[in-house]
Each structure stands twice: as structure tokens, then as C-alpha cells.
Amino acid sequence: MSFSIIASGLDPEAKDFADRFFNAGCDDATISFQKGHIILDFAREAESVDAAICSAVECVEKAGAQADRVEPDFSRQSG
């Protein structure tokens, strides 16, 4: 399942910024920072879209960020 989580609450300049997400289980996401927001583009395997999103939000929050919203990526949906 492909989707993006728009998050906030962490300093992208922090030395451990990317590691926090990786260690929290976001190793299936590409991380960027745009217009003051953290954007995590996920390609997550799960039994359903809801399960994929819920687990990704949990991982983002475990990293110390706040998940502000989720945006589906209909162009990359494969099942």
C-alpha cells in the first residue's frame, strides 16, 4: 500500500532525525521535509489499507513525531 504521512514535531536538522524513524519501524518510508512539514512516503505491506496506515502512524508516533494527516497515493496502488 502506498501513502504519505504528513507529520510534525521533530527537528529535521537533528543528528538522529532519520535514525529515529528507521528505528521506530519506518524503514519502508522515504523521508523528506517540505514547507515546514515532515513527509514520509510509505510503501507498506499489510492485509488492508487501514492496517497499513494504522501501523505506519504508530511507527511515526513511536519516533516522536505527530502524524498530522494521511494522503493516499492512488497512482502507486498495487492491490
C-alpha atoms as a PDB file:
ATOM      1  CA  MET A   1       0.000   0.000   0.000  1.00  0.00           C
ATOM      2  CA  SER A   2       1.346   3.418  -0.921  1.00  0.00           C
ATOM      3  CA  PHE A   3       0.506   6.548   1.039  1.00  0.00           C
ATOM      4  CA  SER A   4       2.123   9.544   2.672  1.00  0.00           C
ATOM      5  CA  ILE A   5       2.002  10.688   6.260  1.00  0.00           C
ATOM      6  CA  ILE A   6       2.436  14.392   6.866  1.00  0.00           C
ATOM      7  CA  ALA A   7       3.975  14.821  10.300  1.00  0.00           C
ATOM      8  CA  SER A   8       5.419  17.441  12.619  1.00  0.00           C
ATOM      9  CA  GLY A   9       7.144  17.755  15.956  1.00  0.00           C
ATOM     10  CA  LEU A  10      10.725  16.763  15.185  1.00  0.00           C
ATOM     11  CA  ASP A  11      13.656  18.906  14.098  1.00  0.00           C
ATOM     12  CA  PRO A  12      14.857  17.756  10.664  1.00  0.00           C
ATOM     13  CA  GLU A  13      18.273  19.227  11.468  1.00  0.00           C
ATOM     14  CA  ALA A  14      18.706  16.891  14.443  1.00  0.00           C
ATOM     15  CA  LYS A  15      21.583  14.436  14.091  1.00  0.00           C
ATOM     16  CA  ASP A  16      19.338  11.418  14.746  1.00  0.00           C
ATOM     17  CA  PHE A  17      16.352  12.618  12.664  1.00  0.00           C
ATOM     18  CA  ALA A  18      16.297   9.812  10.063  1.00  0.00           C
ATOM     19  CA  ASP A  19      17.502   7.173  12.534  1.00  0.00           C
ATOM     20  CA  ARG A  20      14.557   7.874  14.845  1.00  0.00           C
ATOM     21  CA  PHE A  21      12.113   6.945  12.088  1.00  0.00           C
ATOM     22  CA  PHE A  22      14.135   3.949  10.908  1.00  0.00           C
ATOM     23  CA  ASN A  23      14.475   2.572  14.438  1.00  0.00           C
ATOM     24  CA  ALA A  24      10.753   3.104  15.078  1.00  0.00           C
ATOM     25  CA  GLY A  25       9.803   0.898  12.128  1.00  0.00           C
ATOM     26  CA  CYS A  26       9.579   3.399   9.264  1.00  0.00           C
ATOM     27  CA  ASP A  27      12.243   1.617   7.234  1.00  0.00           C
ATOM     28  CA  ASP A  28       9.728   1.289   4.374  1.00  0.00           C
ATOM     29  CA  ALA A  29       9.345   5.057   4.025  1.00  0.00           C
ATOM     30  CA  THR A  30      11.191   7.750   2.148  1.00  0.00           C
ATOM     31  CA  ILE A  31      11.528  10.841   4.355  1.00  0.00           C
ATOM     32  CA  SER A  32      11.587  14.428   3.166  1.00  0.00           C
ATOM     33  CA  PHE A  33      10.993  17.849   4.665  1.00  0.00           C
ATOM     34  CA  GLN A  34       8.915  20.396   2.744  1.00  0.00           C
ATOM     35  CA  LYS A  35       7.354  23.707   3.746  1.00  0.00           C
ATOM     36  CA  GLY A  36       7.861  23.009   7.433  1.00  0.00           C
ATOM     37  CA  HIS A  37       6.375  19.510   7.344  1.00  0.00           C
ATOM     38  CA  ILE A  38       7.908  16.065   7.586  1.00  0.00           C
ATOM     39  CA  ILE A  39       6.673  13.892   4.734  1.00  0.00           C
ATOM     40  CA  LEU A  40       7.009  10.137   4.913  1.00  0.00           C
ATOM     41  CA  ASP A  41       6.166   8.305   1.684  1.00  0.00           C
ATOM     42  CA  PHE A  42       5.342   4.727   2.636  1.00  0.00           C
ATOM     43  CA  ALA A  43       5.255   1.538   0.611  1.00  0.00           C
ATOM     44  CA  ARG A  44       3.924  -0.746   3.342  1.00  0.00           C
ATOM     45  CA  GLU A  45       2.799  -4.359   3.090  1.00  0.00           C
ATOM     46  CA  ALA A  46      -0.339  -5.203   5.064  1.00  0.00           C
ATOM     47  CA  GLU A  47      -3.607  -7.110   4.800  1.00  0.00           C
ATOM     48  CA  SER A  48      -5.550  -3.885   4.213  1.00  0.00           C
ATOM     49  CA  VAL A  49      -5.014  -0.189   3.617  1.00  0.00           C
ATOM     50  CA  ASP A  50      -6.364   0.552   7.095  1.00  0.00           C
ATOM     51  CA  ALA A  51      -3.909  -1.866   8.709  1.00  0.00           C
ATOM     52  CA  ALA A  52      -1.011  -0.368   6.754  1.00  0.00           C
ATOM     53  CA  ILE A  53      -1.930   3.190   7.725  1.00  0.00           C
ATOM     54  CA  CYS A  54      -2.553   2.358  11.378  1.00  0.00           C
ATOM     55  CA  SER A  55       0.782   0.592  11.751  1.00  0.00           C
ATOM     56  CA  ALA A  56       2.615   3.420   9.971  1.00  0.00           C
ATOM     57  CA  VAL A  57       1.002   6.073  12.187  1.00  0.00           C
ATOM     58  CA  GLU A  58       2.054   4.076  15.259  1.00  0.00           C
ATOM     59  CA  CYS A  59       5.637   3.964  13.982  1.00  0.00           C
ATOM     60  CA  VAL A  60       5.696   7.701  13.223  1.00  0.00           C
ATOM     61  CA  GLU A  61       4.449   8.454  16.742  1.00  0.00           C
ATOM     62  CA  LYS A  62       6.947   5.989  18.229  1.00  0.00           C
ATOM     63  CA  ALA A  63       9.677   8.048  16.526  1.00  0.00           C
ATOM     64  CA  GLY A  64       8.441  11.084  18.464  1.00  0.00           C
ATOM     65  CA  ALA A  65       6.596  12.878  15.669  1.00  0.00           C
ATOM     66  CA  GLN A  66       2.921  13.745  15.414  1.00  0.00           C
ATOM     67  CA  ALA A  67       1.039  12.319  12.427  1.00  0.00           C
ATOM     68  CA  ASP A  68      -0.974  15.305  11.192  1.00  0.00           C
ATOM     69  CA  ARG A  69      -2.667  13.692   8.199  1.00  0.00           C
ATOM     70  CA  VAL A  70      -2.509  10.794   5.751  1.00  0.00           C
ATOM     71  CA  GLU A  71      -2.630  11.220   1.990  1.00  0.00           C
ATOM     72  CA  PRO A  72      -3.265   8.182  -0.213  1.00  0.00           C
ATOM     73  CA  ASP A  73      -1.165   7.712  -3.321  1.00  0.00           C
ATOM     74  CA  PHE A  74      -3.630   6.340  -5.834  1.00  0.00           C
ATOM     75  CA  SER A  75      -1.023   6.381  -8.593  1.00  0.00           C
ATOM     76  CA  ARG A  76       1.046   3.686  -6.842  1.00  0.00           C
ATOM     77  CA  GLN A  77      -1.692   1.382  -5.503  1.00  0.00           C
ATOM     78  CA  SER A  78      -0.961  -2.205  -6.375  1.00  0.00           C
ATOM     79  CA  GLY A  79      -3.574  -4.149  -4.547  1.00  0.00           C
END
